[in-house]
Amino acid sequence: MKEVDLDMHRSIDQLGKFSVNLKIDTGRNVPDQEVEAILTDILNRVGHACLDNGADMIGHIKSCAHGIDERVCSANLTSFRVGVELENKLRGDGIDSGYIMLHVIVHGLWDPQVRDISLKEIDTIMHEHGLSYRIIRDFFETEKRVRS
């Protein structure tokens, strides 16, 4: 089997991809409505920033926030015409601390650009909401290869 470099693969499918898991330490209870607003902001702002920087189409941007007990609020964006679709199962309890996952697929940008755009927008939004966070896992593809 022949190895194809990631750059070659990306030049064929032209998809920029990035995923990250964040640990959120709030120091306060973040109500359900604010969790929804944070996820909506992340999806909308990452999506618009990608388009502003050369992406020509959103494939899928999704995110979820969950507390320690696994109650979850999830958000999906595939089109700005449809908007962000939310599913909130936090049961009105909000989140004291927990995790946020973000996964971005856009057409027309390279992975490093999607990563830089996403991390910049996340940082801005977290500061606007007064939340501290740390990156638990950054799934940026630097070593991955596609086999043919």
N, C-alpha and C. Protein backbone atom coordinates (compact mmCIF):
# COMPACT_ATOMS: atom_id res chain seq x y z
N MET A 1 0.83 -1.18 0.00
CA MET A 1 0.00 0.00 0.00
C MET A 1 0.87 1.24 0.00
N LYS A 2 0.43 2.25 -0.73
CA LYS A 2 1.17 3.49 -0.86
C LYS A 2 0.62 4.53 0.12
N GLU A 3 1.51 5.26 0.83
CA GLU A 3 1.08 6.34 1.73
C GLU A 3 0.92 7.63 0.95
N VAL A 4 -0.14 8.33 1.25
CA VAL A 4 -0.38 9.63 0.64
C VAL A 4 -0.30 10.67 1.74
N ASP A 5 0.50 11.69 1.56
CA ASP A 5 0.63 12.73 2.58
C ASP A 5 -0.69 13.43 2.83
N LEU A 6 -0.85 13.93 4.04
CA LEU A 6 -2.06 14.66 4.39
C LEU A 6 -2.29 15.84 3.46
N ASP A 7 -1.23 16.54 3.07
CA ASP A 7 -1.38 17.67 2.15
C ASP A 7 -1.99 17.22 0.83
N MET A 8 -1.58 16.08 0.33
CA MET A 8 -2.13 15.56 -0.92
C MET A 8 -3.61 15.22 -0.73
N HIS A 9 -3.91 14.58 0.39
CA HIS A 9 -5.29 14.22 0.68
C HIS A 9 -6.16 15.48 0.76
N ARG A 10 -5.68 16.51 1.47
CA ARG A 10 -6.44 17.74 1.62
C ARG A 10 -6.61 18.46 0.28
N SER A 11 -5.62 18.36 -0.59
CA SER A 11 -5.76 19.01 -1.90
C SER A 11 -6.82 18.33 -2.74
N ILE A 12 -7.13 17.09 -2.42
CA ILE A 12 -8.16 16.36 -3.15
C ILE A 12 -9.54 16.68 -2.58
N ASP A 13 -9.71 16.58 -1.26
CA ASP A 13 -11.04 16.81 -0.69
C ASP A 13 -11.27 18.26 -0.28
N GLN A 14 -10.21 19.05 -0.13
CA GLN A 14 -10.26 20.47 0.20
C GLN A 14 -11.05 20.76 1.47
N LEU A 15 -11.03 19.82 2.41
CA LEU A 15 -11.71 20.01 3.68
C LEU A 15 -10.70 20.35 4.77
N GLY A 16 -10.99 21.40 5.51
CA GLY A 16 -10.21 21.73 6.69
C GLY A 16 -10.96 21.20 7.90
N LYS A 17 -10.23 20.50 8.77
CA LYS A 17 -10.86 19.86 9.92
C LYS A 17 -10.10 20.20 11.20
N PHE A 18 -10.84 20.31 12.29
CA PHE A 18 -10.23 20.56 13.59
C PHE A 18 -11.20 20.15 14.68
N SER A 19 -10.67 19.53 15.74
CA SER A 19 -11.46 19.18 16.91
C SER A 19 -10.67 19.49 18.16
N VAL A 20 -11.38 19.87 19.21
CA VAL A 20 -10.74 20.19 20.48
C VAL A 20 -11.70 19.87 21.62
N ASN A 21 -11.15 19.40 22.73
CA ASN A 21 -11.90 19.22 23.98
C ASN A 21 -11.35 20.19 25.00
N LEU A 22 -12.25 20.91 25.67
CA LEU A 22 -11.87 21.91 26.67
C LEU A 22 -12.41 21.51 28.03
N LYS A 23 -11.65 21.78 29.08
CA LYS A 23 -12.13 21.63 30.46
C LYS A 23 -12.49 23.03 30.92
N ILE A 24 -13.72 23.20 31.38
CA ILE A 24 -14.22 24.48 31.82
C ILE A 24 -14.26 24.49 33.35
N ASP A 25 -13.62 25.48 33.94
CA ASP A 25 -13.68 25.68 35.39
C ASP A 25 -14.37 27.02 35.62
N THR A 26 -15.64 26.95 36.03
CA THR A 26 -16.45 28.15 36.04
C THR A 26 -16.34 28.96 37.33
N GLY A 27 -16.22 28.30 38.46
CA GLY A 27 -16.26 29.01 39.73
C GLY A 27 -17.66 29.51 40.06
N ARG A 28 -18.62 29.17 39.23
CA ARG A 28 -20.02 29.57 39.43
C ARG A 28 -20.90 28.62 38.62
N ASN A 29 -22.19 28.67 38.89
CA ASN A 29 -23.10 27.89 38.07
C ASN A 29 -23.39 28.66 36.79
N VAL A 30 -23.21 28.01 35.66
CA VAL A 30 -23.54 28.60 34.36
C VAL A 30 -24.92 28.07 33.98
N PRO A 31 -25.93 28.95 33.97
CA PRO A 31 -27.30 28.49 33.66
C PRO A 31 -27.42 27.92 32.26
N ASP A 32 -28.44 27.08 32.07
CA ASP A 32 -28.69 26.44 30.77
C ASP A 32 -28.67 27.45 29.62
N GLN A 33 -29.36 28.58 29.81
CA GLN A 33 -29.48 29.56 28.73
C GLN A 33 -28.11 30.14 28.35
N GLU A 34 -27.22 30.30 29.32
CA GLU A 34 -25.88 30.80 29.01
C GLU A 34 -25.05 29.73 28.31
N VAL A 35 -25.21 28.46 28.71
CA VAL A 35 -24.53 27.36 28.02
C VAL A 35 -24.97 27.35 26.55
N GLU A 36 -26.28 27.47 26.32
CA GLU A 36 -26.78 27.52 24.95
C GLU A 36 -26.17 28.70 24.19
N ALA A 37 -26.10 29.87 24.83
CA ALA A 37 -25.55 31.07 24.19
C ALA A 37 -24.07 30.88 23.85
N ILE A 38 -23.32 30.25 24.75
CA ILE A 38 -21.89 30.01 24.51
C ILE A 38 -21.71 29.10 23.29
N LEU A 39 -22.44 27.99 23.25
CA LEU A 39 -22.31 27.07 22.12
C LEU A 39 -22.75 27.73 20.82
N THR A 40 -23.85 28.48 20.87
CA THR A 40 -24.32 29.18 19.68
C THR A 40 -23.28 30.19 19.20
N ASP A 41 -22.70 30.94 20.14
CA ASP A 41 -21.65 31.91 19.78
C ASP A 41 -20.46 31.21 19.13
N ILE A 42 -20.02 30.12 19.73
CA ILE A 42 -18.86 29.40 19.19
C ILE A 42 -19.13 28.96 17.76
N LEU A 43 -20.26 28.31 17.53
CA LEU A 43 -20.55 27.82 16.18
C LEU A 43 -20.68 28.95 15.18
N ASN A 44 -21.47 29.97 15.52
CA ASN A 44 -21.66 31.08 14.60
C ASN A 44 -20.37 31.83 14.32
N ARG A 45 -19.60 32.11 15.35
CA ARG A 45 -18.40 32.92 15.16
C ARG A 45 -17.29 32.15 14.47
N VAL A 46 -17.13 30.87 14.80
CA VAL A 46 -16.14 30.05 14.09
C VAL A 46 -16.56 29.92 12.62
N GLY A 47 -17.82 29.66 12.38
CA GLY A 47 -18.31 29.53 11.01
C GLY A 47 -18.10 30.80 10.19
N HIS A 48 -18.51 31.94 10.73
CA HIS A 48 -18.34 33.20 10.01
C HIS A 48 -16.86 33.54 9.82
N ALA A 49 -16.04 33.29 10.83
CA ALA A 49 -14.60 33.58 10.72
C ALA A 49 -13.96 32.70 9.65
N CYS A 50 -14.37 31.45 9.57
CA CYS A 50 -13.83 30.57 8.52
C CYS A 50 -14.22 31.10 7.15
N LEU A 51 -15.49 31.47 6.97
CA LEU A 51 -15.94 32.00 5.69
C LEU A 51 -15.22 33.32 5.36
N ASP A 52 -15.02 34.16 6.37
CA ASP A 52 -14.31 35.44 6.17
C ASP A 52 -12.85 35.23 5.78
N ASN A 53 -12.30 34.07 6.12
CA ASN A 53 -10.89 33.80 5.85
C ASN A 53 -10.67 32.82 4.71
N GLY A 54 -11.68 32.61 3.87
CA GLY A 54 -11.45 31.83 2.67
C GLY A 54 -12.24 30.55 2.49
N ALA A 55 -12.91 30.07 3.54
CA ALA A 55 -13.74 28.88 3.35
C ALA A 55 -14.90 29.24 2.43
N ASP A 56 -15.32 28.32 1.59
CA ASP A 56 -16.44 28.61 0.71
C ASP A 56 -17.70 27.84 1.09
N MET A 57 -17.59 26.98 2.11
CA MET A 57 -18.76 26.23 2.54
C MET A 57 -18.50 25.60 3.91
N ILE A 58 -19.52 25.58 4.72
CA ILE A 58 -19.46 24.87 6.00
C ILE A 58 -19.90 23.45 5.74
N GLY A 59 -19.07 22.49 6.15
CA GLY A 59 -19.48 21.10 6.10
C GLY A 59 -20.35 20.79 7.30
N HIS A 60 -19.78 20.95 8.48
CA HIS A 60 -20.50 20.70 9.73
C HIS A 60 -19.67 21.26 10.87
N ILE A 61 -20.30 22.03 11.70
CA ILE A 61 -19.66 22.49 12.93
C ILE A 61 -20.57 22.04 14.06
N LYS A 62 -20.00 21.33 15.02
CA LYS A 62 -20.82 20.85 16.13
C LYS A 62 -20.06 21.01 17.43
N SER A 63 -20.83 21.12 18.49
CA SER A 63 -20.24 21.30 19.81
C SER A 63 -21.19 20.73 20.85
N CYS A 64 -20.63 20.36 21.97
CA CYS A 64 -21.47 19.97 23.09
C CYS A 64 -20.78 20.39 24.39
N ALA A 65 -21.60 20.68 25.36
CA ALA A 65 -21.12 21.00 26.70
C ALA A 65 -21.76 20.01 27.66
N HIS A 66 -20.96 19.50 28.59
CA HIS A 66 -21.55 18.61 29.58
C HIS A 66 -20.85 18.79 30.91
N GLY A 67 -21.66 18.61 31.96
CA GLY A 67 -21.13 18.67 33.30
C GLY A 67 -20.47 17.35 33.68
N ILE A 68 -20.03 17.29 34.90
CA ILE A 68 -19.37 16.09 35.40
C ILE A 68 -20.32 14.88 35.34
N ASP A 69 -21.62 15.11 35.54
CA ASP A 69 -22.59 14.00 35.56
C ASP A 69 -23.11 13.63 34.18
N GLU A 70 -22.51 14.14 33.12
CA GLU A 70 -22.82 13.75 31.74
C GLU A 70 -24.13 14.32 31.20
N ARG A 71 -24.82 15.21 31.93
CA ARG A 71 -25.94 15.93 31.31
C ARG A 71 -25.33 16.77 30.20
N VAL A 72 -26.01 16.89 29.07
CA VAL A 72 -25.37 17.48 27.90
C VAL A 72 -26.28 18.49 27.21
N CYS A 73 -25.63 19.49 26.62
CA CYS A 73 -26.27 20.42 25.71
C CYS A 73 -25.46 20.36 24.42
N SER A 74 -26.11 20.05 23.30
CA SER A 74 -25.38 19.93 22.05
C SER A 74 -25.90 20.94 21.04
N ALA A 75 -25.00 21.31 20.10
CA ALA A 75 -25.35 22.30 19.08
C ALA A 75 -24.74 21.87 17.75
N ASN A 76 -25.47 22.11 16.67
CA ASN A 76 -25.03 21.76 15.32
C ASN A 76 -25.29 22.92 14.37
N LEU A 77 -24.35 23.11 13.44
CA LEU A 77 -24.51 24.13 12.41
C LEU A 77 -24.04 23.55 11.08
N THR A 78 -24.94 23.52 10.11
CA THR A 78 -24.57 23.10 8.77
C THR A 78 -24.87 24.19 7.75
N SER A 79 -25.69 25.16 8.13
CA SER A 79 -26.07 26.25 7.23
C SER A 79 -26.52 27.45 8.06
N PHE A 80 -26.09 28.64 7.64
CA PHE A 80 -26.55 29.84 8.34
C PHE A 80 -28.01 30.13 8.03
N ARG A 81 -28.52 29.60 6.92
CA ARG A 81 -29.96 29.75 6.64
C ARG A 81 -30.79 29.03 7.68
N VAL A 82 -30.35 27.85 8.07
CA VAL A 82 -31.06 27.06 9.09
C VAL A 82 -30.70 27.57 10.48
N GLY A 83 -29.44 27.93 10.69
CA GLY A 83 -28.98 28.41 11.99
C GLY A 83 -28.53 27.26 12.88
N VAL A 84 -28.15 27.61 14.08
CA VAL A 84 -27.68 26.63 15.06
C VAL A 84 -28.88 25.87 15.62
N GLU A 85 -28.77 24.56 15.61
CA GLU A 85 -29.80 23.70 16.18
C GLU A 85 -29.30 23.20 17.53
N LEU A 86 -30.08 23.42 18.59
CA LEU A 86 -29.69 23.06 19.95
C LEU A 86 -30.53 21.91 20.49
N GLU A 87 -29.90 21.08 21.30
CA GLU A 87 -30.61 20.07 22.07
C GLU A 87 -30.08 20.15 23.50
N ASN A 88 -30.91 20.62 24.41
CA ASN A 88 -30.49 20.87 25.78
C ASN A 88 -31.09 19.83 26.72
N LYS A 89 -30.21 19.02 27.32
CA LYS A 89 -30.65 18.02 28.30
C LYS A 89 -30.01 18.29 29.66
N LEU A 90 -29.76 19.57 29.95
CA LEU A 90 -29.16 19.93 31.24
C LEU A 90 -30.20 19.95 32.36
N ARG A 91 -31.47 19.86 32.03
CA ARG A 91 -32.58 19.78 32.99
C ARG A 91 -32.70 21.00 33.89
N GLY A 92 -32.25 22.16 33.40
CA GLY A 92 -32.38 23.37 34.19
C GLY A 92 -31.36 23.53 35.29
N ASP A 93 -30.38 22.63 35.36
CA ASP A 93 -29.39 22.66 36.43
C ASP A 93 -28.14 23.45 36.06
N GLY A 94 -27.94 23.77 34.78
CA GLY A 94 -26.73 24.46 34.36
C GLY A 94 -25.50 23.59 34.56
N ILE A 95 -24.33 24.24 34.53
CA ILE A 95 -23.06 23.54 34.67
C ILE A 95 -22.17 24.30 35.65
N ASP A 96 -21.63 23.59 36.66
CA ASP A 96 -20.67 24.19 37.58
C ASP A 96 -19.26 24.08 37.02
N SER A 97 -18.95 22.93 36.50
CA SER A 97 -17.70 22.71 35.77
C SER A 97 -17.96 21.55 34.84
N GLY A 98 -17.18 21.48 33.80
CA GLY A 98 -17.43 20.42 32.83
C GLY A 98 -16.54 20.56 31.63
N TYR A 99 -17.09 20.18 30.48
CA TYR A 99 -16.30 20.09 29.26
C TYR A 99 -17.07 20.65 28.08
N ILE A 100 -16.32 21.18 27.13
CA ILE A 100 -16.89 21.59 25.85
C ILE A 100 -16.06 20.93 24.76
N MET A 101 -16.74 20.32 23.82
CA MET A 101 -16.11 19.72 22.65
C MET A 101 -16.53 20.54 21.44
N LEU A 102 -15.59 20.77 20.53
CA LEU A 102 -15.88 21.45 19.27
C LEU A 102 -15.28 20.64 18.14
N HIS A 103 -16.06 20.45 17.07
CA HIS A 103 -15.57 19.76 15.88
C HIS A 103 -15.98 20.60 14.67
N VAL A 104 -15.00 20.95 13.83
CA VAL A 104 -15.24 21.83 12.69
C VAL A 104 -14.79 21.14 11.40
N ILE A 105 -15.66 21.15 10.40
CA ILE A 105 -15.30 20.72 9.05
C ILE A 105 -15.79 21.81 8.10
N VAL A 106 -14.87 22.41 7.37
CA VAL A 106 -15.22 23.42 6.37
C VAL A 106 -14.52 23.10 5.06
N HIS A 107 -15.04 23.60 3.97
CA HIS A 107 -14.46 23.39 2.65
C HIS A 107 -13.70 24.64 2.23
N GLY A 108 -12.47 24.45 1.78
CA GLY A 108 -11.71 25.54 1.20
C GLY A 108 -10.61 26.12 2.08
N LEU A 109 -10.44 25.62 3.29
CA LEU A 109 -9.35 26.04 4.18
C LEU A 109 -8.52 24.82 4.56
N TRP A 110 -7.29 25.05 4.94
CA TRP A 110 -6.42 23.99 5.44
C TRP A 110 -6.59 23.83 6.94
N ASP A 111 -6.27 22.66 7.46
CA ASP A 111 -6.40 22.35 8.88
C ASP A 111 -5.77 23.42 9.78
N PRO A 112 -4.53 23.87 9.53
CA PRO A 112 -3.92 24.85 10.44
C PRO A 112 -4.72 26.15 10.53
N GLN A 113 -5.33 26.58 9.43
CA GLN A 113 -6.15 27.78 9.45
C GLN A 113 -7.40 27.57 10.28
N VAL A 114 -8.04 26.43 10.11
CA VAL A 114 -9.26 26.12 10.87
C VAL A 114 -8.93 26.07 12.36
N ARG A 115 -7.80 25.48 12.70
CA ARG A 115 -7.37 25.40 14.10
C ARG A 115 -7.15 26.80 14.67
N ASP A 116 -6.38 27.63 13.98
CA ASP A 116 -6.09 28.98 14.47
C ASP A 116 -7.36 29.81 14.65
N ILE A 117 -8.24 29.76 13.67
CA ILE A 117 -9.50 30.50 13.73
C ILE A 117 -10.34 30.02 14.91
N SER A 118 -10.47 28.71 15.05
CA SER A 118 -11.31 28.13 16.12
C SER A 118 -10.79 28.51 17.49
N LEU A 119 -9.48 28.35 17.71
CA LEU A 119 -8.91 28.66 19.03
C LEU A 119 -9.03 30.14 19.37
N LYS A 120 -8.86 31.00 18.39
CA LYS A 120 -9.01 32.44 18.63
C LYS A 120 -10.44 32.77 19.05
N GLU A 121 -11.42 32.24 18.33
CA GLU A 121 -12.82 32.52 18.65
C GLU A 121 -13.20 31.94 20.01
N ILE A 122 -12.74 30.73 20.32
CA ILE A 122 -13.03 30.12 21.62
C ILE A 122 -12.48 31.01 22.74
N ASP A 123 -11.25 31.45 22.60
CA ASP A 123 -10.63 32.28 23.63
C ASP A 123 -11.43 33.56 23.86
N THR A 124 -11.82 34.21 22.79
CA THR A 124 -12.61 35.45 22.89
C THR A 124 -13.93 35.21 23.61
N ILE A 125 -14.64 34.17 23.21
CA ILE A 125 -15.96 33.87 23.79
C ILE A 125 -15.84 33.50 25.26
N MET A 126 -14.86 32.68 25.61
CA MET A 126 -14.70 32.29 27.01
C MET A 126 -14.41 33.52 27.88
N HIS A 127 -13.58 34.42 27.40
CA HIS A 127 -13.29 35.63 28.16
C HIS A 127 -14.53 36.52 28.28
N GLU A 128 -15.32 36.61 27.23
CA GLU A 128 -16.55 37.40 27.28
C GLU A 128 -17.52 36.87 28.34
N HIS A 129 -17.51 35.57 28.55
CA HIS A 129 -18.41 34.95 29.54
C HIS A 129 -17.74 34.78 30.91
N GLY A 130 -16.51 35.26 31.04
CA GLY A 130 -15.80 35.18 32.32
C GLY A 130 -15.46 33.76 32.73
N LEU A 131 -15.21 32.88 31.76
CA LEU A 131 -14.91 31.48 32.05
C LEU A 131 -13.44 31.17 31.79
N SER A 132 -12.85 30.45 32.71
CA SER A 132 -11.49 29.97 32.45
C SER A 132 -11.59 28.55 31.90
N TYR A 133 -10.61 28.20 31.08
CA TYR A 133 -10.64 26.90 30.43
C TYR A 133 -9.21 26.46 30.15
N ARG A 134 -9.09 25.18 29.88
CA ARG A 134 -7.81 24.66 29.39
C ARG A 134 -8.11 23.60 28.34
N ILE A 135 -7.18 23.47 27.41
CA ILE A 135 -7.34 22.48 26.36
C ILE A 135 -6.93 21.12 26.89
N ILE A 136 -7.86 20.19 26.88
CA ILE A 136 -7.60 18.82 27.32
C ILE A 136 -6.96 18.03 26.19
N ARG A 137 -7.54 18.17 25.00
CA ARG A 137 -7.03 17.43 23.84
C ARG A 137 -7.29 18.24 22.58
N ASP A 138 -6.27 18.38 21.79
CA ASP A 138 -6.32 19.09 20.52
C ASP A 138 -6.08 18.04 19.44
N PHE A 139 -7.09 17.79 18.63
CA PHE A 139 -7.01 16.71 17.64
C PHE A 139 -6.48 17.19 16.30
N PHE A 140 -5.62 18.19 16.32
CA PHE A 140 -5.05 18.74 15.09
C PHE A 140 -4.23 17.65 14.41
N GLU A 141 -4.48 17.46 13.13
CA GLU A 141 -3.82 16.39 12.39
C GLU A 141 -2.46 16.84 11.86
N THR A 142 -1.41 16.42 12.52
CA THR A 142 -0.07 16.73 12.03
C THR A 142 0.65 15.49 11.52
N GLU A 143 0.28 14.34 12.01
CA GLU A 143 0.98 13.11 11.66
C GLU A 143 0.13 12.15 10.87
N LYS A 144 -1.18 12.37 10.82
CA LYS A 144 -2.09 11.41 10.21
C LYS A 144 -1.79 11.24 8.72
N ARG A 145 -1.87 10.05 8.26
CA ARG A 145 -1.67 9.74 6.85
C ARG A 145 -2.85 8.93 6.35
N VAL A 146 -3.14 9.05 5.10
CA VAL A 146 -4.20 8.29 4.47
C VAL A 146 -3.56 7.20 3.62
N ARG A 147 -4.03 6.01 3.75
CA ARG A 147 -3.46 4.89 2.96
C ARG A 147 -4.36 4.62 1.76
N SER A 148 -3.71 4.32 0.64
CA SER A 148 -4.50 3.99 -0.54
C SER A 148 -4.10 2.62 -1.07
